């Protein structure tokens, strides 16, 4: 290492700089991997590396052209990667991000909306009965993001969680059964809420709008969504834009306890 430092004229801080940039690029790659943005990401990296090579070779005209492209491209980058940047910043601001990485910092131990003492049993009991009877449902559990803008699209309830209330909301002849029910701080704050629909192609074409809405809300916020399929009675849950299908009630309960009950 000291030999390379002497030959290349690099300082220790330069090695740290290289490692940090490599880690940042790796995380960005993981963020856009599997999406249409991956090709744009690779293209931008290729242009940036070419610019560095051209600078090193002192090709002034080409360097100036590529430099102008990169400076203007920064604004275009924000526009093109707006959903991915939003997801990345949301992930950094979510307390579960650091706990999932097995690291603890004071900032990520801030209290989470709906994160302490969530009444899980009423949710599990209602979901289990709705699954048996093939009653479609979409339940969104708010965390740090309180989902006020989405709750405002539905009917305001502000009622304590109960399995009877959840089943009544999603009863097939109920005027509230279309859309999502949003839970915050152990209250169903609204029902028949309209959620953003994910445009991802990574899920099965057999899954309907409930599942896409569950993906959409968890892509844009740190909420957790629980879905019961009206066609099959299958239970699914979604977090961070990742959908887990065909789960049993006890698996759902274990997942919710892990996310909402303090250890």
C-alpha atoms as a PDB file:
ATOM      1  CA  UNK A   1       0.000   0.000   0.000  1.00  0.00           C
ATOM      2  CA  UNK A   2       2.798   2.420   0.868  1.00  0.00           C
ATOM      3  CA  UNK A   3       4.536   1.482  -2.407  1.00  0.00           C
ATOM      4  CA  UNK A   4       1.397   2.309  -4.423  1.00  0.00           C
ATOM      5  CA  UNK A   5       1.000   5.523  -2.491  1.00  0.00           C
ATOM      6  CA  UNK A   6       4.552   6.574  -3.339  1.00  0.00           C
ATOM      7  CA  UNK A   7       4.280   5.597  -7.025  1.00  0.00           C
ATOM      8  CA  UNK A   8       0.828   7.051  -7.731  1.00  0.00           C
ATOM      9  CA  UNK A   9       1.119  10.028  -5.414  1.00  0.00           C
ATOM     10  CA  UNK A  10      -2.101   9.121  -3.612  1.00  0.00           C
ATOM     11  CA  UNK A  11      -2.870  10.065  -0.023  1.00  0.00           C
ATOM     12  CA  UNK A  12      -4.695   7.930   2.524  1.00  0.00           C
ATOM     13  CA  UNK A  13      -7.676  10.229   2.199  1.00  0.00           C
ATOM     14  CA  UNK A  14      -7.759   9.443  -1.537  1.00  0.00           C
ATOM     15  CA  UNK A  15      -8.173   5.728  -0.815  1.00  0.00           C
ATOM     16  CA  UNK A  16     -11.018   6.522   1.592  1.00  0.00           C
ATOM     17  CA  UNK A  17     -12.563   8.733  -1.096  1.00  0.00           C
ATOM     18  CA  UNK A  18     -12.377   5.900  -3.653  1.00  0.00           C
ATOM     19  CA  UNK A  19     -13.946   3.387  -1.252  1.00  0.00           C
ATOM     20  CA  UNK A  20     -16.802   5.748  -0.348  1.00  0.00           C
ATOM     21  CA  UNK A  21     -17.543   6.499  -4.004  1.00  0.00           C
ATOM     22  CA  UNK A  22     -17.487   2.773  -4.800  1.00  0.00           C
ATOM     23  CA  UNK A  23     -19.964   2.080  -1.979  1.00  0.00           C
ATOM     24  CA  UNK A  24     -22.220   4.911  -3.160  1.00  0.00           C
ATOM     25  CA  UNK A  25     -22.190   3.612  -6.748  1.00  0.00           C
ATOM     26  CA  UNK A  26     -22.940   0.089  -5.515  1.00  0.00           C
ATOM     27  CA  UNK A  27     -25.943   1.267  -3.492  1.00  0.00           C
ATOM     28  CA  UNK A  28     -27.235   3.333  -6.421  1.00  0.00           C
ATOM     29  CA  UNK A  29     -26.851   0.333  -8.701  1.00  0.00           C
ATOM     30  CA  UNK A  30     -28.831  -1.862  -6.288  1.00  0.00           C
ATOM     31  CA  UNK A  31     -31.511   0.818  -6.118  1.00  0.00           C
ATOM     32  CA  UNK A  32     -32.125   0.948  -9.886  1.00  0.00           C
ATOM     33  CA  UNK A  33     -31.307  -2.699 -10.660  1.00  0.00           C
ATOM     34  CA  UNK A  34     -34.223  -4.433 -12.329  1.00  0.00           C
ATOM     35  CA  UNK A  35     -35.839  -1.176 -13.450  1.00  0.00           C
ATOM     36  CA  UNK A  36     -35.761   0.685 -16.744  1.00  0.00           C
ATOM     37  CA  UNK A  37     -33.463   3.260 -15.136  1.00  0.00           C
ATOM     38  CA  UNK A  38     -30.547   0.812 -15.005  1.00  0.00           C
ATOM     39  CA  UNK A  39     -29.602   1.456 -18.647  1.00  0.00           C
ATOM     40  CA  UNK A  40     -29.636   5.227 -18.067  1.00  0.00           C
ATOM     41  CA  UNK A  41     -27.529   4.762 -14.942  1.00  0.00           C
ATOM     42  CA  UNK A  42     -24.910   2.708 -16.820  1.00  0.00           C
ATOM     43  CA  UNK A  43     -24.876   5.273 -19.642  1.00  0.00           C
ATOM     44  CA  UNK A  44     -24.273   8.158 -17.206  1.00  0.00           C
ATOM     45  CA  UNK A  45     -21.447   6.277 -15.481  1.00  0.00           C
ATOM     46  CA  UNK A  46     -19.879   5.516 -18.886  1.00  0.00           C
ATOM     47  CA  UNK A  47     -20.017   9.202 -19.926  1.00  0.00           C
ATOM     48  CA  UNK A  48     -18.517  10.293 -16.598  1.00  0.00           C
ATOM     49  CA  UNK A  49     -15.629   7.805 -16.860  1.00  0.00           C
ATOM     50  CA  UNK A  50     -15.012   8.860 -20.467  1.00  0.00           C
ATOM     51  CA  UNK A  51     -14.871  12.487 -19.314  1.00  0.00           C
ATOM     52  CA  UNK A  52     -12.219  11.592 -16.733  1.00  0.00           C
ATOM     53  CA  UNK A  53     -10.140   9.724 -19.336  1.00  0.00           C
ATOM     54  CA  UNK A  54     -10.397  12.630 -21.770  1.00  0.00           C
ATOM     55  CA  UNK A  55      -9.296  15.053 -19.048  1.00  0.00           C
ATOM     56  CA  UNK A  56      -6.323  12.859 -18.184  1.00  0.00           C
ATOM     57  CA  UNK A  57      -5.281  12.788 -21.876  1.00  0.00           C
ATOM     58  CA  UNK A  58      -5.707  16.591 -22.042  1.00  0.00           C
ATOM     59  CA  UNK A  59      -8.102  16.469 -25.009  1.00  0.00           C
ATOM     60  CA  UNK A  60      -9.471  19.939 -24.374  1.00  0.00           C
ATOM     61  CA  UNK A  61     -12.237  20.163 -27.003  1.00  0.00           C
ATOM     62  CA  UNK A  62     -13.806  16.791 -26.210  1.00  0.00           C
ATOM     63  CA  UNK A  63     -13.340  17.451 -22.502  1.00  0.00           C
ATOM     64  CA  UNK A  64     -15.240  20.732 -22.802  1.00  0.00           C
ATOM     65  CA  UNK A  65     -18.120  19.080 -24.700  1.00  0.00           C
ATOM     66  CA  UNK A  66     -18.423  16.230 -22.203  1.00  0.00           C
ATOM     67  CA  UNK A  67     -18.123  18.669 -19.296  1.00  0.00           C
ATOM     68  CA  UNK A  68     -21.037  20.720 -20.623  1.00  0.00           C
ATOM     69  CA  UNK A  69     -23.066  17.552 -21.137  1.00  0.00           C
ATOM     70  CA  UNK A  70     -22.426  16.424 -17.562  1.00  0.00           C
ATOM     71  CA  UNK A  71     -23.263  19.823 -16.028  1.00  0.00           C
ATOM     72  CA  UNK A  72     -26.584  20.019 -17.898  1.00  0.00           C
ATOM     73  CA  UNK A  73     -27.162  16.309 -17.398  1.00  0.00           C
ATOM     74  CA  UNK A  74     -27.211  16.744 -13.618  1.00  0.00           C
ATOM     75  CA  UNK A  75     -30.584  18.490 -13.826  1.00  0.00           C
ATOM     76  CA  UNK A  76     -31.845  15.846 -16.268  1.00  0.00           C
ATOM     77  CA  UNK A  77     -30.607  13.194 -13.852  1.00  0.00           C
ATOM     78  CA  UNK A  78     -32.838  14.532 -11.074  1.00  0.00           C
ATOM     79  CA  UNK A  79     -35.849  14.530 -13.410  1.00  0.00           C
ATOM     80  CA  UNK A  80     -35.233  11.029 -14.809  1.00  0.00           C
ATOM     81  CA  UNK A  81     -34.442   9.416 -11.462  1.00  0.00           C
ATOM     82  CA  UNK A  82     -37.066  11.284  -9.434  1.00  0.00           C
ATOM     83  CA  UNK A  83     -38.851   8.090  -8.218  1.00  0.00           C
ATOM     84  CA  UNK A  84     -35.566   6.347  -7.369  1.00  0.00           C
ATOM     85  CA  UNK A  85     -34.148   9.421  -5.594  1.00  0.00           C
ATOM     86  CA  UNK A  86     -37.373   9.740  -3.594  1.00  0.00           C
ATOM     87  CA  UNK A  87     -37.184   6.061  -2.615  1.00  0.00           C
ATOM     88  CA  UNK A  88     -33.500   6.376  -1.668  1.00  0.00           C
ATOM     89  CA  UNK A  89     -34.075   9.433   0.542  1.00  0.00           C
ATOM     90  CA  UNK A  90     -37.139   7.800   2.087  1.00  0.00           C
ATOM     91  CA  UNK A  91     -35.066   4.699   2.862  1.00  0.00           C
ATOM     92  CA  UNK A  92     -32.390   6.820   4.568  1.00  0.00           C
ATOM     93  CA  UNK A  93     -35.016   8.610   6.663  1.00  0.00           C
ATOM     94  CA  UNK A  94     -36.769   5.434   7.789  1.00  0.00           C
ATOM     95  CA  UNK A  95     -35.776   4.136  11.242  1.00  0.00           C
ATOM     96  CA  UNK A  96     -36.099   0.504  10.096  1.00  0.00           C
ATOM     97  CA  UNK A  97     -33.336   1.115   7.516  1.00  0.00           C
ATOM     98  CA  UNK A  98     -30.567   1.232  10.095  1.00  0.00           C
ATOM     99  CA  UNK A  99     -32.084  -1.483  12.285  1.00  0.00           C
ATOM    100  CA  UNK A 100     -32.239  -3.721   9.222  1.00  0.00           C
ATOM    101  CA  UNK A 101     -28.521  -3.078   8.700  1.00  0.00           C
ATOM    102  CA  UNK A 102     -27.829  -4.120  12.310  1.00  0.00           C
ATOM    103  CA  UNK A 103     -26.451  -0.647  13.099  1.00  0.00           C
ATOM    104  CA  UNK A 104     -27.715   1.788  15.687  1.00  0.00           C
ATOM    105  CA  UNK A 105     -27.512   5.566  15.541  1.00  0.00           C
ATOM    106  CA  UNK A 106     -29.443   8.008  17.687  1.00  0.00           C
ATOM    107  CA  UNK A 107     -31.147   9.594  14.677  1.00  0.00           C
ATOM    108  CA  UNK A 108     -32.709   6.308  13.581  1.00  0.00           C
ATOM    109  CA  UNK A 109     -34.109   5.627  17.048  1.00  0.00           C
ATOM    110  CA  UNK A 110     -36.588   8.469  16.806  1.00  0.00           C
ATOM    111  CA  UNK A 111     -40.189   7.447  17.529  1.00  0.00           C
ATOM    112  CA  UNK A 112     -42.171   6.118  14.583  1.00  0.00           C
ATOM    113  CA  UNK A 113     -45.803   6.975  13.946  1.00  0.00           C
ATOM    114  CA  UNK A 114     -47.846   3.858  14.587  1.00  0.00           C
ATOM    115  CA  UNK A 115     -44.667   1.976  15.455  1.00  0.00           C
ATOM    116  CA  UNK A 116     -45.277   1.330  19.164  1.00  0.00           C
ATOM    117  CA  UNK A 117     -47.973  -0.894  20.569  1.00  0.00           C
ATOM    118  CA  UNK A 118     -49.807  -1.517  17.319  1.00  0.00           C
ATOM    119  CA  UNK A 119     -52.866  -3.689  17.949  1.00  0.00           C
ATOM    120  CA  UNK A 120     -51.970  -6.511  15.602  1.00  0.00           C
ATOM    121  CA  UNK A 121     -54.507  -9.181  16.612  1.00  0.00           C
ATOM    122  CA  UNK A 122     -57.609  -7.376  15.213  1.00  0.00           C
ATOM    123  CA  UNK A 123     -55.810  -7.005  11.881  1.00  0.00           C
ATOM    124  CA  UNK A 124     -54.781 -10.661  11.796  1.00  0.00           C
ATOM    125  CA  UNK A 125     -58.226 -11.973  12.823  1.00  0.00           C
ATOM    126  CA  UNK A 126     -60.060  -9.855  10.245  1.00  0.00           C
ATOM    127  CA  UNK A 127     -57.587 -10.690   7.462  1.00  0.00           C
ATOM    128  CA  UNK A 128     -57.856 -14.396   8.241  1.00  0.00           C
ATOM    129  CA  UNK A 129     -61.671 -14.387   8.061  1.00  0.00           C
ATOM    130  CA  UNK A 130     -61.710 -12.256   4.908  1.00  0.00           C
ATOM    131  CA  UNK A 131     -59.243 -14.639   3.270  1.00  0.00           C
ATOM    132  CA  UNK A 132     -61.466 -17.622   4.078  1.00  0.00           C
ATOM    133  CA  UNK A 133     -64.497 -15.856   2.559  1.00  0.00           C
ATOM    134  CA  UNK A 134     -62.611 -14.389  -0.438  1.00  0.00           C
ATOM    135  CA  UNK A 135     -63.324 -10.813   0.608  1.00  0.00           C
ATOM    136  CA  UNK A 136     -60.912  -8.403  -1.073  1.00  0.00           C
ATOM    137  CA  UNK A 137     -59.132  -5.944   1.205  1.00  0.00           C
ATOM    138  CA  UNK A 138     -56.298  -3.426   1.217  1.00  0.00           C
ATOM    139  CA  UNK A 139     -55.065  -2.240   4.614  1.00  0.00           C
ATOM    140  CA  UNK A 140     -52.289   0.336   4.859  1.00  0.00           C
ATOM    141  CA  UNK A 141     -50.464   0.804   8.157  1.00  0.00           C
ATOM    142  CA  UNK A 142     -48.753   4.181   8.485  1.00  0.00           C
ATOM    143  CA  UNK A 143     -45.395   4.562  10.144  1.00  0.00           C
ATOM    144  CA  UNK A 144     -43.264   7.722  10.123  1.00  0.00           C
ATOM    145  CA  UNK A 145     -45.100   9.052   7.086  1.00  0.00           C
ATOM    146  CA  UNK A 146     -48.645   9.762   8.325  1.00  0.00           C
ATOM    147  CA  UNK A 147     -50.244   9.476   4.828  1.00  0.00           C
ATOM    148  CA  UNK A 148     -52.450  12.536   5.329  1.00  0.00           C
ATOM    149  CA  UNK A 149     -52.596  13.325   1.600  1.00  0.00           C
ATOM    150  CA  UNK A 150     -53.847   9.802   0.842  1.00  0.00           C
ATOM    151  CA  UNK A 151     -56.262   9.684   3.781  1.00  0.00           C
ATOM    152  CA  UNK A 152     -57.847  12.914   2.508  1.00  0.00           C
ATOM    153  CA  UNK A 153     -58.987  11.102  -0.672  1.00  0.00           C
ATOM    154  CA  UNK A 154     -61.253   8.765   1.323  1.00  0.00           C
ATOM    155  CA  UNK A 155     -63.932   8.847   4.014  1.00  0.00           C
ATOM    156  CA  UNK A 156     -62.733  10.133   7.379  1.00  0.00           C
ATOM    157  CA  UNK A 157     -63.367   7.640  10.215  1.00  0.00           C
ATOM    158  CA  UNK A 158     -60.877   8.111  13.086  1.00  0.00           C
ATOM    159  CA  UNK A 159     -62.138   4.927  14.762  1.00  0.00           C
ATOM    160  CA  UNK A 160     -60.308   2.503  17.035  1.00  0.00           C
ATOM    161  CA  UNK A 161     -59.087  -0.670  15.331  1.00  0.00           C
ATOM    162  CA  UNK A 162     -61.351  -3.694  15.659  1.00  0.00           C
ATOM    163  CA  UNK A 163     -61.695  -6.802  13.552  1.00  0.00           C
ATOM    164  CA  UNK A 164     -65.463  -6.219  13.207  1.00  0.00           C
ATOM    165  CA  UNK A 165     -64.893  -2.704  11.865  1.00  0.00           C
ATOM    166  CA  UNK A 166     -62.264  -3.835   9.361  1.00  0.00           C
ATOM    167  CA  UNK A 167     -64.539  -6.616   8.077  1.00  0.00           C
ATOM    168  CA  UNK A 168     -67.464  -4.187   7.846  1.00  0.00           C
ATOM    169  CA  UNK A 169     -65.418  -1.750   5.781  1.00  0.00           C
ATOM    170  CA  UNK A 170     -64.453  -4.416   3.250  1.00  0.00           C
ATOM    171  CA  UNK A 171     -67.812  -6.219   3.173  1.00  0.00           C
ATOM    172  CA  UNK A 172     -68.682  -6.614  -0.514  1.00  0.00           C
ATOM    173  CA  UNK A 173     -71.865  -4.518  -0.309  1.00  0.00           C
ATOM    174  CA  UNK A 174     -70.297  -1.800   1.825  1.00  0.00           C
ATOM    175  CA  UNK A 175     -69.872   1.605   0.144  1.00  0.00           C
ATOM    176  CA  UNK A 176     -66.386   1.757   1.708  1.00  0.00           C
ATOM    177  CA  UNK A 177     -65.002  -1.536   0.389  1.00  0.00           C
ATOM    178  CA  UNK A 178     -63.350  -0.045  -2.714  1.00  0.00           C
ATOM    179  CA  UNK A 179     -59.964   1.512  -2.046  1.00  0.00           C
ATOM    180  CA  UNK A 180     -57.747   1.250   1.012  1.00  0.00           C
ATOM    181  CA  UNK A 181     -58.237   1.586   4.756  1.00  0.00           C
ATOM    182  CA  UNK A 182     -55.432   3.544   6.432  1.00  0.00           C
ATOM    183  CA  UNK A 183     -54.379   2.811  10.007  1.00  0.00           C
ATOM    184  CA  UNK A 184     -52.405   5.307  12.077  1.00  0.00           C
ATOM    185  CA  UNK A 185     -51.679   5.109  15.812  1.00  0.00           C
ATOM    186  CA  UNK A 186     -54.137   2.246  16.337  1.00  0.00           C
ATOM    187  CA  UNK A 187     -56.961   4.068  14.585  1.00  0.00           C
ATOM    188  CA  UNK A 188     -58.530   3.569  11.189  1.00  0.00           C
ATOM    189  CA  UNK A 189     -58.278   7.180  10.121  1.00  0.00           C
ATOM    190  CA  UNK A 190     -59.916   6.763   6.699  1.00  0.00           C
ATOM    191  CA  UNK A 191     -61.407   4.205   4.317  1.00  0.00           C
ATOM    192  CA  UNK A 192     -62.052   4.086   0.561  1.00  0.00           C
ATOM    193  CA  UNK A 193     -58.747   5.879   0.031  1.00  0.00           C
ATOM    194  CA  UNK A 194     -57.178   6.230  -3.399  1.00  0.00           C
ATOM    195  CA  UNK A 195     -53.542   5.145  -3.586  1.00  0.00           C
ATOM    196  CA  UNK A 196     -50.884   5.580  -6.287  1.00  0.00           C
ATOM    197  CA  UNK A 197     -50.595   2.522  -8.539  1.00  0.00           C
ATOM    198  CA  UNK A 198     -47.159   1.063  -9.205  1.00  0.00           C
ATOM    199  CA  UNK A 199     -46.063   0.737 -12.807  1.00  0.00           C
ATOM    200  CA  UNK A 200     -43.544  -2.012 -12.115  1.00  0.00           C
ATOM    201  CA  UNK A 201     -43.361  -5.028 -14.407  1.00  0.00           C
ATOM    202  CA  UNK A 202     -41.781  -7.221 -11.731  1.00  0.00           C
ATOM    203  CA  UNK A 203     -45.041  -8.678 -10.410  1.00  0.00           C
ATOM    204  CA  UNK A 204     -47.303 -11.301 -11.932  1.00  0.00           C
ATOM    205  CA  UNK A 205     -49.852 -10.133 -14.500  1.00  0.00           C
ATOM    206  CA  UNK A 206     -52.474 -12.118 -12.573  1.00  0.00           C
ATOM    207  CA  UNK A 207     -52.295  -9.649  -9.675  1.00  0.00           C
ATOM    208  CA  UNK A 208     -54.804  -6.820  -9.764  1.00  0.00           C
ATOM    209  CA  UNK A 209     -55.049  -3.161  -8.786  1.00  0.00           C
ATOM    210  CA  UNK A 210     -55.067  -3.847  -5.035  1.00  0.00           C
ATOM    211  CA  UNK A 211     -51.612  -5.381  -5.236  1.00  0.00           C
ATOM    212  CA  UNK A 212     -50.347  -2.613  -7.524  1.00  0.00           C
ATOM    213  CA  UNK A 213     -51.742   0.007  -5.159  1.00  0.00           C
ATOM    214  CA  UNK A 214     -50.001  -1.744  -2.246  1.00  0.00           C
ATOM    215  CA  UNK A 215     -46.746  -1.587  -4.185  1.00  0.00           C
ATOM    216  CA  UNK A 216     -47.361   2.028  -5.154  1.00  0.00           C
ATOM    217  CA  UNK A 217     -47.938   3.316  -1.622  1.00  0.00           C
ATOM    218  CA  UNK A 218     -44.922   1.422  -0.232  1.00  0.00           C
ATOM    219  CA  UNK A 219     -42.697   2.693  -3.050  1.00  0.00           C
ATOM    220  CA  UNK A 220     -43.534   6.294  -2.161  1.00  0.00           C
ATOM    221  CA  UNK A 221     -43.751   6.024   1.643  1.00  0.00           C
ATOM    222  CA  UNK A 222     -42.512   3.855   4.506  1.00  0.00           C
ATOM    223  CA  UNK A 223     -45.992   2.362   5.086  1.00  0.00           C
ATOM    224  CA  UNK A 224     -46.772  -1.348   5.172  1.00  0.00           C
ATOM    225  CA  UNK A 225     -49.690  -2.663   3.110  1.00  0.00           C
ATOM    226  CA  UNK A 226     -51.666  -5.871   3.667  1.00  0.00           C
ATOM    227  CA  UNK A 227     -53.715  -7.293   0.786  1.00  0.00           C
ATOM    228  CA  UNK A 228     -56.375  -9.980   0.626  1.00  0.00           C
ATOM    229  CA  UNK A 229     -57.138 -11.199  -2.885  1.00  0.00           C
ATOM    230  CA  UNK A 230     -60.829 -11.268  -3.775  1.00  0.00           C
ATOM    231  CA  UNK A 231     -60.251 -13.959  -6.418  1.00  0.00           C
ATOM    232  CA  UNK A 232     -58.103 -16.436  -4.458  1.00  0.00           C
ATOM    233  CA  UNK A 233     -58.309 -15.352  -0.810  1.00  0.00           C
ATOM    234  CA  UNK A 234     -54.508 -15.203  -0.788  1.00  0.00           C
ATOM    235  CA  UNK A 235     -52.871 -12.933   1.797  1.00  0.00           C
ATOM    236  CA  UNK A 236     -49.945 -10.710   0.817  1.00  0.00           C
ATOM    237  CA  UNK A 237     -47.992  -7.916   2.429  1.00  0.00           C
ATOM    238  CA  UNK A 238     -45.820  -5.207   0.953  1.00  0.00           C
ATOM    239  CA  UNK A 239     -43.018  -3.035   2.341  1.00  0.00           C
ATOM    240  CA  UNK A 240     -40.496  -0.833   0.560  1.00  0.00           C
ATOM    241  CA  UNK A 241     -41.928  -1.676  -2.845  1.00  0.00           C
ATOM    242  CA  UNK A 242     -41.420  -5.412  -2.282  1.00  0.00           C
ATOM    243  CA  UNK A 243     -44.454  -7.697  -2.409  1.00  0.00           C
ATOM    244  CA  UNK A 244     -44.556 -10.979  -0.473  1.00  0.00           C
ATOM    245  CA  UNK A 245     -47.420 -13.200  -1.607  1.00  0.00           C
ATOM    246  CA  UNK A 246     -49.192 -16.294  -0.317  1.00  0.00           C
ATOM    247  CA  UNK A 247     -48.441 -15.799   3.375  1.00  0.00           C
ATOM    248  CA  UNK A 248     -50.216 -17.515   6.236  1.00  0.00           C
ATOM    249  CA  UNK A 249     -51.854 -15.516   9.049  1.00  0.00           C
ATOM    250  CA  UNK A 250     -49.147 -16.533  11.534  1.00  0.00           C
ATOM    251  CA  UNK A 251     -46.450 -15.390   9.090  1.00  0.00           C
ATOM    252  CA  UNK A 252     -48.176 -12.031   8.721  1.00  0.00           C
ATOM    253  CA  UNK A 253     -48.431 -11.729  12.495  1.00  0.00           C
ATOM    254  CA  UNK A 254     -44.714 -12.498  12.928  1.00  0.00           C
ATOM    255  CA  UNK A 255     -43.841  -9.898  10.308  1.00  0.00           C
ATOM    256  CA  UNK A 256     -46.002  -7.173  11.883  1.00  0.00           C
ATOM    257  CA  UNK A 257     -44.675  -7.948  15.358  1.00  0.00           C
ATOM    258  CA  UNK A 258     -41.140  -7.647  14.058  1.00  0.00           C
ATOM    259  CA  UNK A 259     -41.885  -4.262  12.460  1.00  0.00           C
ATOM    260  CA  UNK A 260     -44.140  -2.672  15.095  1.00  0.00           C
ATOM    261  CA  UNK A 261     -43.563  -4.267  18.491  1.00  0.00           C
ATOM    262  CA  UNK A 262     -40.454  -2.912  20.266  1.00  0.00           C
ATOM    263  CA  UNK A 263     -37.995  -5.674  21.161  1.00  0.00           C
END
